[in-house]
C-alpha cells in the first residue's frame, strides 16, 4: 500500500472513531431545568450515582413445620471450600449480613450492603 492510500485509511479511521465516540446516552451539557439552557452542565448526582450502599430485600424460607430457629449468614462469595474430599466453611471469610428466622424457619426483611455486590 502506498503512502497516500495509507494516509486516507488512517484519516477515515480517525473520522469514524470521532463520530462513534460522540454517541452517548447522557450528554454532560444536556441543559439545566427543563432542558432550555444547553450550556448548563448536569450536576454530579445526575451524571453519576455516588451511593456506596444498596438496600436489598432478604426472604428466607427453610420450609419447616416444627419449631426451629435458624441463624443464617449471607456472603459476597461462596463460603464453602473443598478440603480432603469434603466441603467445609472457609472461616477466613466474613459475612455481610446475619439474622435469625422465626420458629417456622422463615425470615423476611431488608438490609443495606455494598453497592458493588451483585450476588450473595
N, C-alpha and C. Protein backbone atom coordinates (compact mmCIF):
# COMPACT_ATOMS: atom_id res chain seq x y z
N UNK A 1 0.85 -1.16 0.00
CA UNK A 1 0.00 0.00 0.00
C UNK A 1 0.90 1.24 0.00
N UNK A 2 0.60 2.18 -0.85
CA UNK A 2 1.43 3.37 -0.92
C UNK A 2 1.06 4.35 0.21
N UNK A 3 1.88 5.34 0.40
CA UNK A 3 1.72 6.31 1.49
C UNK A 3 0.43 7.10 1.41
N UNK A 4 0.06 7.49 0.22
CA UNK A 4 -1.14 8.30 0.04
C UNK A 4 -2.40 7.51 0.46
N UNK A 5 -2.43 6.26 0.06
CA UNK A 5 -3.57 5.43 0.41
C UNK A 5 -3.60 5.15 1.91
N UNK A 6 -2.44 4.97 2.54
CA UNK A 6 -2.36 4.72 3.97
C UNK A 6 -2.84 5.94 4.76
N UNK A 7 -2.53 7.14 4.31
CA UNK A 7 -2.99 8.36 4.97
C UNK A 7 -4.50 8.47 4.89
N UNK A 8 -5.08 8.12 3.73
CA UNK A 8 -6.53 8.17 3.58
C UNK A 8 -7.22 7.18 4.52
N UNK A 9 -6.68 5.99 4.63
CA UNK A 9 -7.26 4.97 5.53
C UNK A 9 -7.16 5.44 6.98
N UNK A 10 -6.01 6.01 7.36
CA UNK A 10 -5.85 6.50 8.73
C UNK A 10 -6.81 7.65 9.02
N UNK A 11 -6.96 8.57 8.08
CA UNK A 11 -7.88 9.69 8.25
C UNK A 11 -9.32 9.19 8.35
N UNK A 12 -9.70 8.23 7.51
CA UNK A 12 -11.05 7.65 7.57
C UNK A 12 -11.31 6.96 8.90
N UNK A 13 -10.32 6.23 9.42
CA UNK A 13 -10.48 5.56 10.72
C UNK A 13 -10.61 6.58 11.83
N UNK A 14 -9.86 7.67 11.76
CA UNK A 14 -9.94 8.72 12.77
C UNK A 14 -11.30 9.40 12.76
N UNK A 15 -11.84 9.67 11.58
CA UNK A 15 -13.16 10.29 11.47
C UNK A 15 -14.23 9.35 12.02
N UNK A 16 -14.13 8.05 11.71
CA UNK A 16 -15.09 7.07 12.24
C UNK A 16 -15.02 7.01 13.76
N UNK A 17 -13.80 7.04 14.32
CA UNK A 17 -13.65 6.97 15.77
C UNK A 17 -14.28 8.18 16.44
N UNK A 18 -14.07 9.37 15.90
CA UNK A 18 -14.66 10.58 16.49
C UNK A 18 -16.19 10.58 16.36
N UNK A 19 -16.70 10.12 15.24
CA UNK A 19 -18.16 10.13 15.07
C UNK A 19 -18.83 9.10 15.98
N UNK A 20 -18.20 7.96 16.21
CA UNK A 20 -18.78 6.95 17.10
C UNK A 20 -18.66 7.34 18.57
N UNK A 21 -17.60 8.06 18.92
CA UNK A 21 -17.43 8.45 20.32
C UNK A 21 -18.41 9.55 20.74
N UNK A 22 -19.02 10.21 19.80
CA UNK A 22 -19.97 11.27 20.15
C UNK A 22 -21.35 10.71 20.47
N UNK A 23 -21.57 9.42 20.29
CA UNK A 23 -22.86 8.81 20.59
C UNK A 23 -22.89 8.42 22.06
N UNK A 24 -23.56 9.19 22.89
CA UNK A 24 -23.66 8.91 24.32
C UNK A 24 -25.11 9.02 24.76
N UNK A 25 -25.47 8.23 25.76
CA UNK A 25 -26.84 8.27 26.27
C UNK A 25 -27.15 9.59 26.96
N UNK A 26 -26.21 10.09 27.74
CA UNK A 26 -26.46 11.30 28.51
C UNK A 26 -25.28 12.25 28.31
N UNK A 27 -25.54 13.35 27.69
CA UNK A 27 -24.51 14.35 27.45
C UNK A 27 -24.36 15.22 28.69
N UNK A 28 -23.13 15.60 29.01
CA UNK A 28 -22.88 16.45 30.18
C UNK A 28 -23.58 17.78 30.03
N UNK A 29 -23.74 18.27 28.81
CA UNK A 29 -24.39 19.57 28.57
C UNK A 29 -25.79 19.38 27.98
N UNK A 30 -26.62 18.61 28.64
CA UNK A 30 -27.99 18.43 28.18
C UNK A 30 -28.88 19.57 28.60
N UNK A 31 -28.41 20.40 29.45
CA UNK A 31 -29.23 21.53 29.87
C UNK A 31 -29.67 21.39 31.29
N UNK A 32 -30.04 22.50 31.87
CA UNK A 32 -30.48 22.53 33.26
C UNK A 32 -31.93 22.13 33.38
N UNK A 33 -32.63 22.82 34.23
CA UNK A 33 -34.04 22.53 34.47
C UNK A 33 -34.85 22.73 33.19
N UNK A 34 -35.58 21.74 32.78
CA UNK A 34 -36.43 21.83 31.60
C UNK A 34 -35.66 21.66 30.29
N UNK A 35 -34.34 21.59 30.33
CA UNK A 35 -33.54 21.40 29.13
C UNK A 35 -33.46 22.62 28.24
N UNK A 36 -33.78 23.81 28.76
CA UNK A 36 -33.76 25.02 27.94
C UNK A 36 -32.36 25.57 27.75
N UNK A 37 -31.54 25.52 28.77
CA UNK A 37 -30.20 26.08 28.70
C UNK A 37 -29.20 24.98 28.34
N UNK A 38 -28.74 24.95 27.11
CA UNK A 38 -27.85 23.90 26.63
C UNK A 38 -26.43 24.00 27.17
N UNK A 39 -26.03 25.14 27.75
CA UNK A 39 -24.67 25.31 28.24
C UNK A 39 -24.53 25.10 29.74
N UNK A 40 -25.58 24.72 30.41
CA UNK A 40 -25.51 24.45 31.84
C UNK A 40 -25.20 22.97 32.04
N UNK A 41 -24.07 22.64 32.67
CA UNK A 41 -23.74 21.22 32.86
C UNK A 41 -24.64 20.56 33.89
N UNK A 42 -24.76 19.24 33.79
CA UNK A 42 -25.53 18.47 34.75
C UNK A 42 -24.83 18.49 36.10
N UNK A 43 -25.59 18.34 37.16
CA UNK A 43 -24.97 18.23 38.48
C UNK A 43 -24.31 16.85 38.58
N UNK A 44 -23.31 16.69 39.43
CA UNK A 44 -22.62 15.40 39.53
C UNK A 44 -23.56 14.25 39.89
N UNK A 45 -24.59 14.49 40.69
CA UNK A 45 -25.51 13.41 41.06
C UNK A 45 -26.40 12.99 39.89
N UNK A 46 -26.60 13.86 38.90
CA UNK A 46 -27.36 13.48 37.72
C UNK A 46 -26.54 12.64 36.76
N UNK A 47 -25.22 12.83 36.77
CA UNK A 47 -24.35 12.11 35.85
C UNK A 47 -23.79 10.82 36.45
N UNK A 48 -23.72 10.74 37.80
CA UNK A 48 -23.11 9.59 38.45
C UNK A 48 -23.80 9.33 39.78
N UNK A 49 -24.05 8.07 40.09
CA UNK A 49 -24.66 7.68 41.35
C UNK A 49 -23.55 7.45 42.37
N UNK A 50 -23.49 8.28 43.40
CA UNK A 50 -22.43 8.21 44.39
C UNK A 50 -22.75 7.29 45.56
N UNK A 51 -23.87 6.57 45.52
CA UNK A 51 -24.24 5.69 46.62
C UNK A 51 -23.27 4.53 46.72
N UNK A 52 -22.77 4.31 47.92
CA UNK A 52 -21.86 3.19 48.17
C UNK A 52 -22.61 1.99 48.74
N UNK A 53 -23.88 2.19 49.08
CA UNK A 53 -24.71 1.12 49.65
C UNK A 53 -25.97 0.96 48.82
N UNK A 54 -26.52 -0.24 48.84
CA UNK A 54 -27.80 -0.51 48.19
C UNK A 54 -28.67 -1.29 49.17
N UNK A 55 -29.95 -1.02 49.14
CA UNK A 55 -30.87 -1.74 50.01
C UNK A 55 -31.42 -2.93 49.25
N UNK A 56 -31.35 -4.10 49.90
CA UNK A 56 -31.84 -5.33 49.28
C UNK A 56 -32.85 -6.00 50.21
N UNK A 57 -33.83 -6.65 49.61
CA UNK A 57 -34.80 -7.42 50.38
C UNK A 57 -34.27 -8.83 50.56
N UNK A 58 -34.45 -9.36 51.75
CA UNK A 58 -33.99 -10.70 52.07
C UNK A 58 -35.20 -11.53 52.48
N UNK A 59 -35.45 -12.61 51.76
CA UNK A 59 -36.54 -13.54 52.07
C UNK A 59 -35.96 -14.95 52.14
N UNK A 60 -36.10 -15.58 53.31
CA UNK A 60 -35.57 -16.92 53.53
C UNK A 60 -36.71 -17.79 54.05
N UNK A 61 -36.84 -19.01 53.50
CA UNK A 61 -37.85 -19.95 53.96
C UNK A 61 -37.24 -21.34 53.92
N UNK A 62 -36.99 -21.92 55.10
CA UNK A 62 -36.45 -23.27 55.18
C UNK A 62 -37.55 -24.32 55.07
N UNK A 63 -38.82 -23.91 55.16
CA UNK A 63 -39.94 -24.82 54.96
C UNK A 63 -40.19 -25.77 56.12
N UNK A 64 -39.85 -25.41 57.33
CA UNK A 64 -40.09 -26.26 58.49
C UNK A 64 -41.54 -26.18 58.94
N UNK A 65 -42.05 -27.29 59.48
CA UNK A 65 -43.38 -27.28 60.08
C UNK A 65 -43.29 -27.32 61.61
N UNK A 66 -42.15 -27.74 62.13
CA UNK A 66 -41.93 -27.74 63.58
C UNK A 66 -41.26 -26.45 64.00
N UNK A 67 -41.02 -26.32 65.30
CA UNK A 67 -40.40 -25.10 65.83
C UNK A 67 -38.88 -25.20 65.72
N UNK A 68 -38.29 -24.53 64.72
CA UNK A 68 -36.85 -24.46 64.54
C UNK A 68 -36.46 -23.02 64.26
N UNK A 69 -35.56 -22.51 65.08
CA UNK A 69 -34.99 -21.19 64.83
C UNK A 69 -33.63 -21.40 64.16
N UNK A 70 -33.40 -20.71 63.06
CA UNK A 70 -32.16 -20.86 62.30
C UNK A 70 -31.46 -19.51 62.21
N UNK A 71 -30.16 -19.50 62.48
CA UNK A 71 -29.35 -18.31 62.24
C UNK A 71 -28.67 -18.52 60.89
N UNK A 72 -28.87 -17.58 59.97
CA UNK A 72 -28.26 -17.70 58.64
C UNK A 72 -27.35 -16.51 58.40
N UNK A 73 -26.40 -16.71 57.49
CA UNK A 73 -25.43 -15.67 57.13
C UNK A 73 -25.37 -15.53 55.62
N UNK A 74 -25.20 -14.30 55.15
CA UNK A 74 -25.05 -14.03 53.71
C UNK A 74 -23.62 -13.60 53.44
N UNK A 75 -23.05 -14.11 52.37
CA UNK A 75 -21.67 -13.82 51.98
C UNK A 75 -21.64 -13.23 50.58
N UNK A 76 -20.61 -12.46 50.29
CA UNK A 76 -20.47 -11.89 48.95
C UNK A 76 -19.79 -12.86 47.98
N UNK A 77 -19.32 -13.98 48.50
CA UNK A 77 -18.76 -15.04 47.66
C UNK A 77 -19.05 -16.38 48.33
N UNK A 78 -18.79 -17.46 47.64
CA UNK A 78 -19.10 -18.78 48.16
C UNK A 78 -18.23 -19.07 49.39
N UNK A 79 -18.85 -19.31 50.56
CA UNK A 79 -18.07 -19.55 51.78
C UNK A 79 -17.61 -21.00 51.92
N UNK A 80 -17.98 -21.85 51.00
CA UNK A 80 -17.61 -23.26 51.09
C UNK A 80 -16.38 -23.54 50.23
N UNK A 81 -15.48 -24.37 50.77
CA UNK A 81 -14.30 -24.78 50.00
C UNK A 81 -14.10 -26.27 50.21
N UNK A 82 -13.44 -26.89 49.26
CA UNK A 82 -13.23 -28.34 49.32
C UNK A 82 -11.87 -28.62 49.95
N UNK A 83 -11.90 -29.46 50.99
CA UNK A 83 -10.66 -29.88 51.66
C UNK A 83 -10.72 -31.38 51.89
N UNK A 84 -9.75 -32.08 51.41
CA UNK A 84 -9.64 -33.53 51.60
C UNK A 84 -10.90 -34.27 51.16
N UNK A 85 -11.49 -33.86 50.07
CA UNK A 85 -12.64 -34.54 49.51
C UNK A 85 -13.97 -34.19 50.14
N UNK A 86 -14.00 -33.25 51.08
CA UNK A 86 -15.27 -32.84 51.66
C UNK A 86 -15.35 -31.31 51.67
N UNK A 87 -16.57 -30.81 51.80
CA UNK A 87 -16.79 -29.37 51.77
C UNK A 87 -16.84 -28.83 53.19
N UNK A 88 -16.07 -27.76 53.43
CA UNK A 88 -16.04 -27.11 54.74
C UNK A 88 -16.20 -25.61 54.55
N UNK A 89 -16.64 -24.95 55.60
CA UNK A 89 -16.82 -23.50 55.54
C UNK A 89 -15.46 -22.81 55.68
N UNK A 90 -15.21 -21.84 54.81
CA UNK A 90 -13.97 -21.06 54.86
C UNK A 90 -14.09 -20.03 55.98
N UNK A 91 -13.42 -20.28 57.08
CA UNK A 91 -13.53 -19.42 58.26
C UNK A 91 -12.80 -18.09 58.10
N UNK A 92 -12.03 -17.92 57.03
CA UNK A 92 -11.32 -16.65 56.82
C UNK A 92 -12.25 -15.58 56.26
N UNK A 93 -13.40 -16.00 55.70
CA UNK A 93 -14.35 -15.05 55.13
C UNK A 93 -15.28 -14.51 56.21
N UNK A 94 -15.68 -13.27 56.06
CA UNK A 94 -16.66 -12.71 56.99
C UNK A 94 -17.98 -12.47 56.25
N UNK A 95 -19.06 -12.65 56.96
CA UNK A 95 -20.38 -12.50 56.36
C UNK A 95 -20.74 -11.02 56.23
N UNK A 96 -21.65 -10.73 55.29
CA UNK A 96 -22.09 -9.34 55.10
C UNK A 96 -23.40 -9.07 55.81
N UNK A 97 -24.12 -10.14 56.16
CA UNK A 97 -25.39 -9.99 56.88
C UNK A 97 -25.71 -11.29 57.59
N UNK A 98 -26.27 -11.18 58.78
CA UNK A 98 -26.67 -12.34 59.55
C UNK A 98 -27.99 -12.02 60.26
N UNK A 99 -28.88 -13.02 60.35
CA UNK A 99 -30.16 -12.83 61.03
C UNK A 99 -30.68 -14.20 61.46
N UNK A 100 -31.77 -14.16 62.21
CA UNK A 100 -32.41 -15.37 62.69
C UNK A 100 -33.82 -15.46 62.13
N UNK A 101 -34.25 -16.69 61.85
CA UNK A 101 -35.59 -16.90 61.33
C UNK A 101 -36.59 -16.97 62.49
N UNK A 102 -37.87 -16.98 62.14
CA UNK A 102 -38.89 -17.22 63.17
C UNK A 102 -38.94 -18.73 63.45
N UNK A 103 -39.88 -19.17 64.26
CA UNK A 103 -39.90 -20.58 64.66
C UNK A 103 -40.32 -21.53 63.54
N UNK A 104 -40.81 -21.01 62.44
CA UNK A 104 -41.15 -21.85 61.28
C UNK A 104 -40.06 -21.81 60.21
N UNK A 105 -38.92 -21.21 60.53
CA UNK A 105 -37.80 -21.18 59.58
C UNK A 105 -37.95 -20.15 58.49
N UNK A 106 -38.70 -19.07 58.77
CA UNK A 106 -38.91 -18.02 57.76
C UNK A 106 -38.33 -16.70 58.25
N UNK A 107 -37.82 -15.94 57.29
CA UNK A 107 -37.32 -14.59 57.59
C UNK A 107 -37.67 -13.71 56.40
N UNK A 108 -38.10 -12.49 56.69
CA UNK A 108 -38.36 -11.51 55.65
C UNK A 108 -37.95 -10.15 56.19
N UNK A 109 -37.09 -9.46 55.47
CA UNK A 109 -36.61 -8.15 55.91
C UNK A 109 -35.78 -7.51 54.81
N UNK A 110 -35.10 -6.46 55.18
CA UNK A 110 -34.21 -5.80 54.23
C UNK A 110 -32.96 -5.34 54.95
N UNK A 111 -31.90 -5.14 54.19
CA UNK A 111 -30.63 -4.70 54.73
C UNK A 111 -29.90 -3.89 53.68
N UNK A 112 -28.87 -3.18 54.11
CA UNK A 112 -28.03 -2.43 53.18
C UNK A 112 -26.69 -3.13 53.05
N UNK A 113 -26.28 -3.33 51.79
CA UNK A 113 -25.00 -3.96 51.51
C UNK A 113 -24.23 -3.05 50.55
N UNK A 114 -22.97 -3.34 50.35
CA UNK A 114 -22.14 -2.55 49.43
C UNK A 114 -22.72 -2.61 48.02
N UNK A 115 -22.68 -1.48 47.32
CA UNK A 115 -23.32 -1.43 46.00
C UNK A 115 -22.57 -2.21 44.93
N UNK A 116 -21.33 -2.60 45.17
CA UNK A 116 -20.61 -3.38 44.17
C UNK A 116 -20.95 -4.88 44.23
N UNK A 117 -21.68 -5.32 45.24
CA UNK A 117 -22.07 -6.72 45.38
C UNK A 117 -23.30 -6.96 44.51
N UNK A 118 -23.20 -7.90 43.59
CA UNK A 118 -24.30 -8.22 42.68
C UNK A 118 -24.98 -9.54 43.03
N UNK A 119 -24.32 -10.41 43.79
CA UNK A 119 -24.87 -11.72 44.12
C UNK A 119 -24.39 -12.14 45.50
N UNK A 120 -25.31 -12.69 46.31
CA UNK A 120 -24.94 -13.18 47.65
C UNK A 120 -25.18 -14.66 47.72
